[in-house]
Amino acid sequence: MEIEQMVRQYVNRNLLFGESQIMYDDDTSFLAAGILDSMAVMELVAWIEATFGMKVDIRDITPENFDSVNRLAAFLRRCAAPAAVGGNGRP
C-alpha cells in the first residue's frame, strides 16, 4: 500500500470516523478544510510514530509537512530516505 493511501485510510477511519460527506483530495489543506484540528494532528503524529517506527520532532509538525495527504507523504518519504537521516532522524 502506498503512503498516500495509508494516510488517507487512517484519516478517514480514525479522525473522520468514516464520515463520507467530507470530500477532499490529496492536496486539500487539512486545517483550512476543517478536516483536522490540533488534537487530530497529535493523534496523527502518534500513528506515524507507531506505524513507521520513527520519532517525529516537534519542529517538524508544521503545515509544510502535515497539512495534506501529499505533504505528509512527502515528509514521510524524506524521513525514510537513508541519505536524509542525520543522526536524529530529521531530514
N, C-alpha and C. Protein backbone atom coordinates (compact mmCIF):
# COMPACT_ATOMS: atom_id res chain seq x y z
N MET A 1 0.86 -1.17 0.00
CA MET A 1 0.00 0.00 0.00
C MET A 1 0.90 1.23 0.00
N GLU A 2 0.60 2.20 -0.84
CA GLU A 2 1.43 3.40 -0.89
C GLU A 2 1.11 4.32 0.28
N ILE A 3 2.04 5.19 0.59
CA ILE A 3 1.92 6.06 1.76
C ILE A 3 0.66 6.93 1.70
N GLU A 4 0.37 7.52 0.55
CA GLU A 4 -0.82 8.37 0.43
C GLU A 4 -2.09 7.60 0.80
N GLN A 5 -2.18 6.37 0.35
CA GLN A 5 -3.35 5.56 0.66
C GLN A 5 -3.41 5.24 2.15
N MET A 6 -2.28 4.97 2.76
CA MET A 6 -2.25 4.69 4.20
C MET A 6 -2.70 5.91 5.00
N VAL A 7 -2.21 7.10 4.62
CA VAL A 7 -2.59 8.33 5.32
C VAL A 7 -4.08 8.58 5.17
N ARG A 8 -4.58 8.51 3.95
CA ARG A 8 -6.00 8.75 3.70
C ARG A 8 -6.86 7.76 4.50
N GLN A 9 -6.49 6.51 4.49
CA GLN A 9 -7.24 5.48 5.21
C GLN A 9 -7.26 5.77 6.71
N TYR A 10 -6.11 6.15 7.27
CA TYR A 10 -6.08 6.46 8.70
C TYR A 10 -6.96 7.68 9.02
N VAL A 11 -6.82 8.73 8.24
CA VAL A 11 -7.61 9.95 8.48
C VAL A 11 -9.10 9.62 8.39
N ASN A 12 -9.50 8.91 7.36
CA ASN A 12 -10.92 8.59 7.17
C ASN A 12 -11.48 7.73 8.30
N ARG A 13 -10.76 6.73 8.70
CA ARG A 13 -11.27 5.78 9.70
C ARG A 13 -11.17 6.29 11.13
N ASN A 14 -10.07 6.98 11.44
CA ASN A 14 -9.79 7.31 12.83
C ASN A 14 -10.02 8.77 13.21
N LEU A 15 -9.93 9.66 12.25
CA LEU A 15 -10.09 11.07 12.57
C LEU A 15 -11.41 11.63 12.03
N LEU A 16 -11.88 11.09 10.93
CA LEU A 16 -13.19 11.49 10.40
C LEU A 16 -14.25 10.45 10.73
N PHE A 17 -13.83 9.34 11.32
CA PHE A 17 -14.72 8.26 11.74
C PHE A 17 -15.63 7.79 10.61
N GLY A 18 -15.04 7.67 9.41
CA GLY A 18 -15.77 7.16 8.26
C GLY A 18 -16.78 8.14 7.70
N GLU A 19 -16.66 9.40 8.06
CA GLU A 19 -17.59 10.45 7.60
C GLU A 19 -17.49 10.59 6.08
N SER A 20 -18.48 10.09 5.36
CA SER A 20 -18.41 10.08 3.90
C SER A 20 -18.80 11.42 3.27
N GLN A 21 -19.40 12.34 4.03
CA GLN A 21 -19.79 13.62 3.45
C GLN A 21 -18.60 14.55 3.26
N ILE A 22 -17.51 14.32 3.94
CA ILE A 22 -16.33 15.18 3.82
C ILE A 22 -15.49 14.67 2.65
N MET A 23 -15.49 15.45 1.60
CA MET A 23 -14.75 15.09 0.40
C MET A 23 -13.47 15.93 0.33
N TYR A 24 -12.37 15.29 0.04
CA TYR A 24 -11.11 16.00 -0.09
C TYR A 24 -10.19 15.21 -1.00
N ASP A 25 -9.25 15.93 -1.63
CA ASP A 25 -8.27 15.24 -2.46
C ASP A 25 -6.91 15.28 -1.74
N ASP A 26 -5.91 14.73 -2.37
CA ASP A 26 -4.62 14.60 -1.70
C ASP A 26 -3.89 15.92 -1.49
N ASP A 27 -4.34 17.00 -2.11
CA ASP A 27 -3.72 18.31 -1.91
C ASP A 27 -4.57 19.24 -1.04
N THR A 28 -5.73 18.80 -0.61
CA THR A 28 -6.59 19.62 0.24
C THR A 28 -5.93 19.88 1.59
N SER A 29 -5.94 21.15 2.00
CA SER A 29 -5.39 21.51 3.31
C SER A 29 -6.27 20.94 4.41
N PHE A 30 -5.70 20.09 5.25
CA PHE A 30 -6.43 19.51 6.37
C PHE A 30 -6.99 20.60 7.29
N LEU A 31 -6.19 21.61 7.56
CA LEU A 31 -6.59 22.65 8.50
C LEU A 31 -7.62 23.59 7.89
N ALA A 32 -7.37 24.08 6.69
CA ALA A 32 -8.29 25.03 6.05
C ALA A 32 -9.65 24.40 5.78
N ALA A 33 -9.67 23.12 5.46
CA ALA A 33 -10.93 22.43 5.16
C ALA A 33 -11.62 21.93 6.42
N GLY A 34 -10.99 22.11 7.57
CA GLY A 34 -11.60 21.65 8.81
C GLY A 34 -11.57 20.14 8.98
N ILE A 35 -10.68 19.48 8.28
CA ILE A 35 -10.57 18.02 8.37
C ILE A 35 -9.88 17.62 9.67
N LEU A 36 -8.83 18.37 10.04
CA LEU A 36 -8.09 18.09 11.27
C LEU A 36 -8.00 19.34 12.13
N ASP A 37 -8.03 19.12 13.45
CA ASP A 37 -7.73 20.20 14.38
C ASP A 37 -6.42 19.84 15.08
N SER A 38 -6.00 20.63 16.03
CA SER A 38 -4.70 20.40 16.67
C SER A 38 -4.64 19.06 17.39
N MET A 39 -5.73 18.64 18.01
CA MET A 39 -5.73 17.33 18.68
C MET A 39 -5.61 16.19 17.67
N ALA A 40 -6.27 16.33 16.53
CA ALA A 40 -6.18 15.31 15.50
C ALA A 40 -4.77 15.23 14.92
N VAL A 41 -4.10 16.37 14.82
CA VAL A 41 -2.72 16.37 14.35
C VAL A 41 -1.85 15.56 15.31
N MET A 42 -2.07 15.72 16.60
CA MET A 42 -1.28 14.96 17.59
C MET A 42 -1.59 13.46 17.49
N GLU A 43 -2.84 13.11 17.23
CA GLU A 43 -3.18 11.70 17.01
C GLU A 43 -2.48 11.17 15.77
N LEU A 44 -2.42 12.01 14.74
CA LEU A 44 -1.73 11.64 13.50
C LEU A 44 -0.24 11.41 13.76
N VAL A 45 0.37 12.26 14.56
CA VAL A 45 1.78 12.10 14.92
C VAL A 45 1.99 10.77 15.64
N ALA A 46 1.12 10.45 16.60
CA ALA A 46 1.24 9.18 17.34
C ALA A 46 1.11 7.99 16.39
N TRP A 47 0.19 8.07 15.43
CA TRP A 47 0.03 6.99 14.46
C TRP A 47 1.27 6.84 13.60
N ILE A 48 1.84 7.97 13.16
CA ILE A 48 3.06 7.93 12.34
C ILE A 48 4.19 7.26 13.11
N GLU A 49 4.36 7.65 14.35
CA GLU A 49 5.45 7.08 15.15
C GLU A 49 5.26 5.58 15.34
N ALA A 50 4.03 5.14 15.58
CA ALA A 50 3.76 3.71 15.78
C ALA A 50 3.84 2.92 14.47
N THR A 51 3.32 3.49 13.41
CA THR A 51 3.25 2.78 12.13
C THR A 51 4.58 2.73 11.40
N PHE A 52 5.30 3.84 11.41
CA PHE A 52 6.53 3.93 10.63
C PHE A 52 7.78 3.79 11.48
N GLY A 53 7.62 3.58 12.80
CA GLY A 53 8.76 3.35 13.68
C GLY A 53 9.73 4.50 13.74
N MET A 54 9.20 5.72 13.73
CA MET A 54 10.07 6.89 13.77
C MET A 54 9.57 7.86 14.83
N LYS A 55 10.46 8.70 15.29
CA LYS A 55 10.12 9.75 16.24
C LYS A 55 9.97 11.04 15.45
N VAL A 56 8.81 11.68 15.58
CA VAL A 56 8.56 12.95 14.90
C VAL A 56 9.00 14.08 15.82
N ASP A 57 9.95 14.85 15.36
CA ASP A 57 10.45 16.00 16.12
C ASP A 57 9.38 17.09 16.12
N ILE A 58 9.18 17.72 17.24
CA ILE A 58 8.18 18.79 17.37
C ILE A 58 8.38 19.88 16.32
N ARG A 59 9.62 20.12 15.94
CA ARG A 59 9.93 21.15 14.93
C ARG A 59 9.43 20.76 13.54
N ASP A 60 9.14 19.49 13.35
CA ASP A 60 8.66 19.02 12.05
C ASP A 60 7.14 19.06 11.91
N ILE A 61 6.43 19.34 12.99
CA ILE A 61 4.98 19.38 12.96
C ILE A 61 4.55 20.77 12.49
N THR A 62 4.60 20.94 11.18
CA THR A 62 4.31 22.22 10.53
C THR A 62 3.32 21.99 9.39
N PRO A 63 2.65 23.05 8.94
CA PRO A 63 1.77 22.88 7.77
C PRO A 63 2.52 22.38 6.55
N GLU A 64 3.77 22.75 6.40
CA GLU A 64 4.55 22.28 5.25
C GLU A 64 4.68 20.76 5.23
N ASN A 65 4.64 20.12 6.40
CA ASN A 65 4.79 18.67 6.49
C ASN A 65 3.50 17.92 6.75
N PHE A 66 2.51 18.56 7.37
CA PHE A 66 1.34 17.82 7.88
C PHE A 66 -0.01 18.30 7.34
N ASP A 67 -0.06 19.24 6.40
CA ASP A 67 -1.34 19.85 6.07
C ASP A 67 -2.07 19.28 4.86
N SER A 68 -1.66 18.13 4.38
CA SER A 68 -2.42 17.44 3.31
C SER A 68 -1.85 16.03 3.20
N VAL A 69 -2.58 15.21 2.51
CA VAL A 69 -2.12 13.84 2.27
C VAL A 69 -0.76 13.87 1.56
N ASN A 70 -0.65 14.67 0.50
CA ASN A 70 0.60 14.71 -0.28
C ASN A 70 1.76 15.29 0.53
N ARG A 71 1.51 16.33 1.31
CA ARG A 71 2.60 16.91 2.11
C ARG A 71 3.09 15.92 3.16
N LEU A 72 2.16 15.21 3.79
CA LEU A 72 2.55 14.24 4.81
C LEU A 72 3.30 13.06 4.19
N ALA A 73 2.84 12.60 3.04
CA ALA A 73 3.53 11.50 2.36
C ALA A 73 4.95 11.91 1.95
N ALA A 74 5.10 13.14 1.46
CA ALA A 74 6.44 13.63 1.08
C ALA A 74 7.34 13.71 2.31
N PHE A 75 6.81 14.19 3.43
CA PHE A 75 7.58 14.26 4.67
C PHE A 75 8.03 12.86 5.09
N LEU A 76 7.12 11.90 5.06
CA LEU A 76 7.47 10.54 5.46
C LEU A 76 8.53 9.94 4.55
N ARG A 77 8.43 10.22 3.26
CA ARG A 77 9.45 9.71 2.32
C ARG A 77 10.81 10.35 2.59
N ARG A 78 10.82 11.65 2.88
CA ARG A 78 12.10 12.32 3.20
C ARG A 78 12.72 11.72 4.45
N CYS A 79 11.90 11.45 5.45
CA CYS A 79 12.42 10.90 6.70
C CYS A 79 12.90 9.47 6.54
N ALA A 80 12.30 8.75 5.62
CA ALA A 80 12.67 7.35 5.41
C ALA A 80 13.90 7.19 4.52
N ALA A 81 14.24 8.24 3.76
CA ALA A 81 15.38 8.16 2.85
C ALA A 81 16.67 8.05 3.65
N PRO A 82 17.48 7.02 3.43
CA PRO A 82 18.72 6.83 4.21
C PRO A 82 19.64 8.05 4.19
N ALA A 83 19.73 8.72 3.06
CA ALA A 83 20.63 9.89 2.98
C ALA A 83 20.08 11.08 3.76
N ALA A 84 18.78 11.06 4.05
CA ALA A 84 18.16 12.21 4.74
C ALA A 84 18.31 12.10 6.24
N VAL A 85 18.61 10.94 6.75
CA VAL A 85 18.69 10.76 8.19
C VAL A 85 20.07 11.20 8.67
N GLY A 86 20.07 12.18 9.55
CA GLY A 86 21.33 12.72 10.05
C GLY A 86 21.48 12.55 11.54
N GLY A 87 21.48 11.35 12.02
CA GLY A 87 21.69 11.08 13.44
C GLY A 87 20.46 11.23 14.29
N ASN A 88 19.65 12.26 14.06
CA ASN A 88 18.48 12.45 14.89
C ASN A 88 17.19 12.10 14.16
N GLY A 89 17.28 11.52 12.98
CA GLY A 89 16.11 11.11 12.24
C GLY A 89 15.43 12.23 11.49
N ARG A 90 16.00 13.43 11.49
CA ARG A 90 15.41 14.56 10.80
C ARG A 90 16.03 14.72 9.42
N PRO A 91 15.22 15.13 8.46
CA PRO A 91 15.78 15.35 7.11
C PRO A 91 16.71 16.53 7.09
